[in-house]
């Protein structure tokens, strides 16, 4: 976490500090257990360890907000199944 990344305030308990994974660590994980959004444009989001992670220039930051994880789960299904507008 860097100095300008806020802690989560999802309302489902106390704020949690997002975990961080380097690009190399995520490459190792992706080859085994992680799932990316199927759209080429959205490759900056990866699902691992029950949460979505977002990529930046330093690595991947865990998205701790449950509502955002639910939205990304929904987009993953829609992109994978081609049902974007239903």
N, C-alpha and C. Protein backbone atom coordinates (compact mmCIF):
# COMPACT_ATOMS: atom_id res chain seq x y z
N UNK A 1 0.85 -1.17 0.00
CA UNK A 1 0.00 0.00 0.00
C UNK A 1 0.90 1.23 0.00
N UNK A 2 0.53 2.21 -0.81
CA UNK A 2 1.32 3.44 -0.79
C UNK A 2 0.62 4.49 0.05
N UNK A 3 1.24 5.66 0.20
CA UNK A 3 0.71 6.69 1.09
C UNK A 3 -0.61 7.28 0.63
N UNK A 4 -0.94 7.16 -0.66
CA UNK A 4 -2.18 7.78 -1.13
C UNK A 4 -3.30 6.78 -1.36
N UNK A 5 -3.08 5.50 -1.04
CA UNK A 5 -4.13 4.50 -1.17
C UNK A 5 -4.93 4.45 0.12
N UNK A 6 -6.23 4.80 0.06
CA UNK A 6 -7.03 4.77 1.28
C UNK A 6 -7.36 3.35 1.70
N UNK A 7 -7.67 3.18 2.97
CA UNK A 7 -8.14 1.90 3.46
C UNK A 7 -9.59 1.73 3.04
N UNK A 8 -10.04 0.48 2.98
CA UNK A 8 -11.41 0.19 2.59
C UNK A 8 -12.38 0.65 3.67
N UNK A 9 -13.52 1.13 3.22
CA UNK A 9 -14.60 1.52 4.14
C UNK A 9 -15.90 0.94 3.61
N UNK A 10 -15.95 -0.36 3.37
CA UNK A 10 -17.10 -1.00 2.75
C UNK A 10 -18.31 -1.08 3.68
N UNK A 11 -18.13 -0.86 4.98
CA UNK A 11 -19.25 -0.93 5.90
C UNK A 11 -19.48 -2.33 6.44
N UNK A 12 -18.74 -3.33 6.01
CA UNK A 12 -18.91 -4.70 6.47
C UNK A 12 -17.98 -5.04 7.62
N UNK A 13 -17.58 -4.09 8.38
CA UNK A 13 -16.65 -4.32 9.47
C UNK A 13 -15.60 -3.24 9.47
N UNK A 14 -14.57 -3.43 10.26
CA UNK A 14 -13.53 -2.41 10.32
C UNK A 14 -12.77 -2.32 9.00
N UNK A 15 -12.24 -1.15 8.68
CA UNK A 15 -11.45 -1.02 7.45
C UNK A 15 -10.27 -1.98 7.46
N UNK A 16 -9.96 -2.52 6.30
CA UNK A 16 -8.82 -3.42 6.18
C UNK A 16 -7.81 -2.82 5.23
N UNK A 17 -6.56 -3.12 5.44
CA UNK A 17 -5.50 -2.65 4.57
C UNK A 17 -5.34 -3.64 3.43
N UNK A 18 -5.43 -3.17 2.17
CA UNK A 18 -5.27 -4.09 1.04
C UNK A 18 -3.89 -4.73 1.02
N UNK A 19 -3.85 -6.00 0.62
CA UNK A 19 -2.58 -6.68 0.45
C UNK A 19 -1.97 -6.24 -0.89
N UNK A 20 -0.68 -6.48 -1.06
CA UNK A 20 0.04 -6.10 -2.27
C UNK A 20 0.83 -7.30 -2.78
N UNK A 21 0.82 -7.52 -4.11
CA UNK A 21 1.59 -8.58 -4.75
C UNK A 21 2.37 -7.95 -5.90
N UNK A 22 3.63 -8.30 -6.04
CA UNK A 22 4.43 -7.78 -7.14
C UNK A 22 3.98 -8.41 -8.46
N UNK A 23 4.40 -7.83 -9.58
CA UNK A 23 4.07 -8.38 -10.89
C UNK A 23 4.60 -9.82 -11.03
N UNK A 24 5.82 -10.06 -10.59
CA UNK A 24 6.39 -11.40 -10.68
C UNK A 24 5.61 -12.42 -9.85
N UNK A 25 5.22 -12.04 -8.64
CA UNK A 25 4.44 -12.93 -7.80
C UNK A 25 3.10 -13.25 -8.46
N UNK A 26 2.44 -12.24 -9.04
CA UNK A 26 1.14 -12.47 -9.67
C UNK A 26 1.29 -13.34 -10.92
N UNK A 27 2.36 -13.18 -11.67
CA UNK A 27 2.59 -14.05 -12.84
C UNK A 27 2.66 -15.52 -12.40
N UNK A 28 3.33 -15.78 -11.30
CA UNK A 28 3.41 -17.14 -10.78
C UNK A 28 2.04 -17.65 -10.35
N UNK A 29 1.27 -16.80 -9.71
CA UNK A 29 -0.07 -17.17 -9.24
C UNK A 29 -1.00 -17.38 -10.42
N UNK A 30 -0.96 -16.47 -11.42
CA UNK A 30 -1.87 -16.55 -12.56
C UNK A 30 -1.74 -17.86 -13.31
N UNK A 31 -0.54 -18.39 -13.39
CA UNK A 31 -0.36 -19.63 -14.12
C UNK A 31 -1.03 -20.81 -13.41
N UNK A 32 -1.40 -20.66 -12.15
CA UNK A 32 -2.00 -21.77 -11.38
C UNK A 32 -3.45 -21.52 -10.96
N UNK A 33 -3.70 -20.40 -10.27
CA UNK A 33 -5.00 -20.28 -9.61
C UNK A 33 -5.75 -18.98 -9.87
N UNK A 34 -5.15 -17.99 -10.46
CA UNK A 34 -5.82 -16.70 -10.63
C UNK A 34 -6.62 -16.67 -11.92
N UNK A 35 -7.63 -15.80 -11.96
CA UNK A 35 -8.49 -15.61 -13.12
C UNK A 35 -8.49 -14.14 -13.48
N UNK A 36 -8.32 -13.83 -14.76
CA UNK A 36 -8.40 -12.45 -15.23
C UNK A 36 -9.76 -12.21 -15.87
N UNK A 37 -10.16 -10.94 -15.95
CA UNK A 37 -11.34 -10.63 -16.75
C UNK A 37 -11.02 -10.96 -18.19
N UNK A 38 -11.95 -11.54 -18.95
CA UNK A 38 -11.66 -12.01 -20.30
C UNK A 38 -11.40 -10.92 -21.34
N UNK A 39 -11.74 -9.70 -21.06
CA UNK A 39 -11.55 -8.62 -22.01
C UNK A 39 -10.09 -8.17 -22.01
N UNK A 40 -9.52 -7.98 -23.18
CA UNK A 40 -8.13 -7.51 -23.26
C UNK A 40 -7.96 -6.17 -22.56
N UNK A 41 -8.96 -5.33 -22.66
CA UNK A 41 -8.89 -4.01 -22.05
C UNK A 41 -8.90 -4.08 -20.53
N UNK A 42 -9.45 -5.15 -19.98
CA UNK A 42 -9.61 -5.26 -18.52
C UNK A 42 -8.61 -6.20 -17.88
N UNK A 43 -7.48 -6.46 -18.49
CA UNK A 43 -6.49 -7.38 -17.93
C UNK A 43 -5.84 -6.84 -16.66
N UNK A 44 -6.15 -5.63 -16.29
CA UNK A 44 -5.60 -5.06 -15.07
C UNK A 44 -6.29 -5.56 -13.82
N UNK A 45 -7.34 -6.38 -13.97
CA UNK A 45 -8.05 -6.94 -12.84
C UNK A 45 -7.86 -8.45 -12.82
N UNK A 46 -7.46 -8.97 -11.66
CA UNK A 46 -7.21 -10.41 -11.51
C UNK A 46 -7.90 -10.88 -10.24
N UNK A 47 -8.58 -12.04 -10.33
CA UNK A 47 -9.22 -12.63 -9.14
C UNK A 47 -8.29 -13.70 -8.57
N UNK A 48 -7.97 -13.53 -7.30
CA UNK A 48 -7.09 -14.47 -6.60
C UNK A 48 -7.43 -14.47 -5.13
N UNK A 49 -7.43 -15.63 -4.52
CA UNK A 49 -7.65 -15.77 -3.07
C UNK A 49 -8.98 -15.17 -2.63
N UNK A 50 -10.01 -15.34 -3.47
CA UNK A 50 -11.36 -14.88 -3.12
C UNK A 50 -11.60 -13.40 -3.27
N UNK A 51 -10.65 -12.67 -3.84
CA UNK A 51 -10.77 -11.21 -4.02
C UNK A 51 -10.26 -10.82 -5.39
N UNK A 52 -10.69 -9.65 -5.85
CA UNK A 52 -10.15 -9.06 -7.06
C UNK A 52 -8.97 -8.19 -6.69
N UNK A 53 -8.01 -8.12 -7.61
CA UNK A 53 -6.80 -7.32 -7.45
C UNK A 53 -6.70 -6.41 -8.66
N UNK A 54 -6.19 -5.20 -8.47
CA UNK A 54 -6.03 -4.26 -9.57
C UNK A 54 -4.54 -3.98 -9.77
N UNK A 55 -4.14 -3.93 -11.04
CA UNK A 55 -2.73 -3.74 -11.39
C UNK A 55 -2.39 -2.26 -11.48
N UNK A 56 -1.20 -1.93 -11.04
CA UNK A 56 -0.62 -0.60 -11.31
C UNK A 56 0.84 -0.82 -11.68
N UNK A 57 1.62 0.23 -11.79
CA UNK A 57 3.00 0.08 -12.26
C UNK A 57 3.89 -0.68 -11.28
N UNK A 58 3.50 -0.75 -10.01
CA UNK A 58 4.31 -1.42 -8.99
C UNK A 58 3.93 -2.88 -8.77
N UNK A 59 2.70 -3.24 -9.08
CA UNK A 59 2.23 -4.60 -8.82
C UNK A 59 0.72 -4.63 -8.78
N UNK A 60 0.17 -5.47 -7.92
CA UNK A 60 -1.28 -5.64 -7.78
C UNK A 60 -1.71 -5.32 -6.35
N UNK A 61 -2.79 -4.58 -6.23
CA UNK A 61 -3.36 -4.22 -4.93
C UNK A 61 -4.70 -4.92 -4.78
N UNK A 62 -4.92 -5.50 -3.63
CA UNK A 62 -6.17 -6.19 -3.34
C UNK A 62 -7.31 -5.17 -3.24
N UNK A 63 -8.45 -5.51 -3.81
CA UNK A 63 -9.66 -4.70 -3.65
C UNK A 63 -10.41 -5.29 -2.47
N UNK A 64 -10.49 -4.55 -1.39
CA UNK A 64 -11.08 -5.08 -0.16
C UNK A 64 -12.56 -4.74 -0.02
N UNK A 65 -13.08 -3.87 -0.84
CA UNK A 65 -14.49 -3.48 -0.76
C UNK A 65 -15.36 -4.60 -1.34
N UNK A 66 -16.25 -5.16 -0.52
CA UNK A 66 -17.09 -6.28 -0.95
C UNK A 66 -18.00 -5.91 -2.11
N UNK A 67 -18.53 -4.70 -2.13
CA UNK A 67 -19.42 -4.28 -3.22
C UNK A 67 -18.65 -4.24 -4.55
N UNK A 68 -17.42 -3.76 -4.52
CA UNK A 68 -16.62 -3.72 -5.74
C UNK A 68 -16.26 -5.12 -6.22
N UNK A 69 -15.96 -6.03 -5.29
CA UNK A 69 -15.69 -7.42 -5.66
C UNK A 69 -16.91 -8.06 -6.29
N UNK A 70 -18.10 -7.78 -5.75
CA UNK A 70 -19.34 -8.32 -6.32
C UNK A 70 -19.56 -7.79 -7.73
N UNK A 71 -19.32 -6.51 -7.95
CA UNK A 71 -19.47 -5.93 -9.29
C UNK A 71 -18.50 -6.57 -10.27
N UNK A 72 -17.26 -6.76 -9.85
CA UNK A 72 -16.27 -7.39 -10.74
C UNK A 72 -16.62 -8.86 -11.01
N UNK A 73 -17.18 -9.57 -10.03
CA UNK A 73 -17.64 -10.93 -10.27
C UNK A 73 -18.73 -10.94 -11.35
N UNK A 74 -19.65 -10.00 -11.26
CA UNK A 74 -20.74 -9.90 -12.24
C UNK A 74 -20.18 -9.60 -13.63
N UNK A 75 -19.23 -8.67 -13.73
CA UNK A 75 -18.61 -8.35 -15.02
C UNK A 75 -17.84 -9.54 -15.57
N UNK A 76 -17.19 -10.30 -14.70
CA UNK A 76 -16.46 -11.48 -15.15
C UNK A 76 -17.41 -12.46 -15.84
N UNK A 77 -18.55 -12.72 -15.21
CA UNK A 77 -19.53 -13.64 -15.79
C UNK A 77 -20.05 -13.08 -17.11
N UNK A 78 -20.40 -11.80 -17.13
CA UNK A 78 -20.94 -11.21 -18.35
C UNK A 78 -19.94 -11.21 -19.50
N UNK A 79 -18.68 -10.90 -19.22
CA UNK A 79 -17.67 -10.91 -20.26
C UNK A 79 -17.36 -12.32 -20.74
N UNK A 80 -17.34 -13.26 -19.82
CA UNK A 80 -17.02 -14.65 -20.18
C UNK A 80 -18.15 -15.30 -20.97
N UNK A 81 -19.38 -14.93 -20.67
CA UNK A 81 -20.53 -15.54 -21.33
C UNK A 81 -21.07 -14.70 -22.46
N UNK A 82 -20.54 -13.50 -22.67
CA UNK A 82 -20.99 -12.66 -23.76
C UNK A 82 -22.33 -11.99 -23.53
N UNK A 83 -22.79 -11.95 -22.30
CA UNK A 83 -24.11 -11.37 -22.00
C UNK A 83 -23.97 -10.00 -21.36
N UNK A 84 -23.31 -9.09 -22.04
CA UNK A 84 -23.06 -7.77 -21.45
C UNK A 84 -24.31 -6.95 -21.22
N UNK A 85 -25.31 -7.14 -22.02
CA UNK A 85 -26.45 -6.22 -21.97
C UNK A 85 -27.71 -6.87 -21.42
N UNK A 86 -27.58 -7.97 -20.68
CA UNK A 86 -28.78 -8.60 -20.12
C UNK A 86 -28.91 -8.30 -18.66
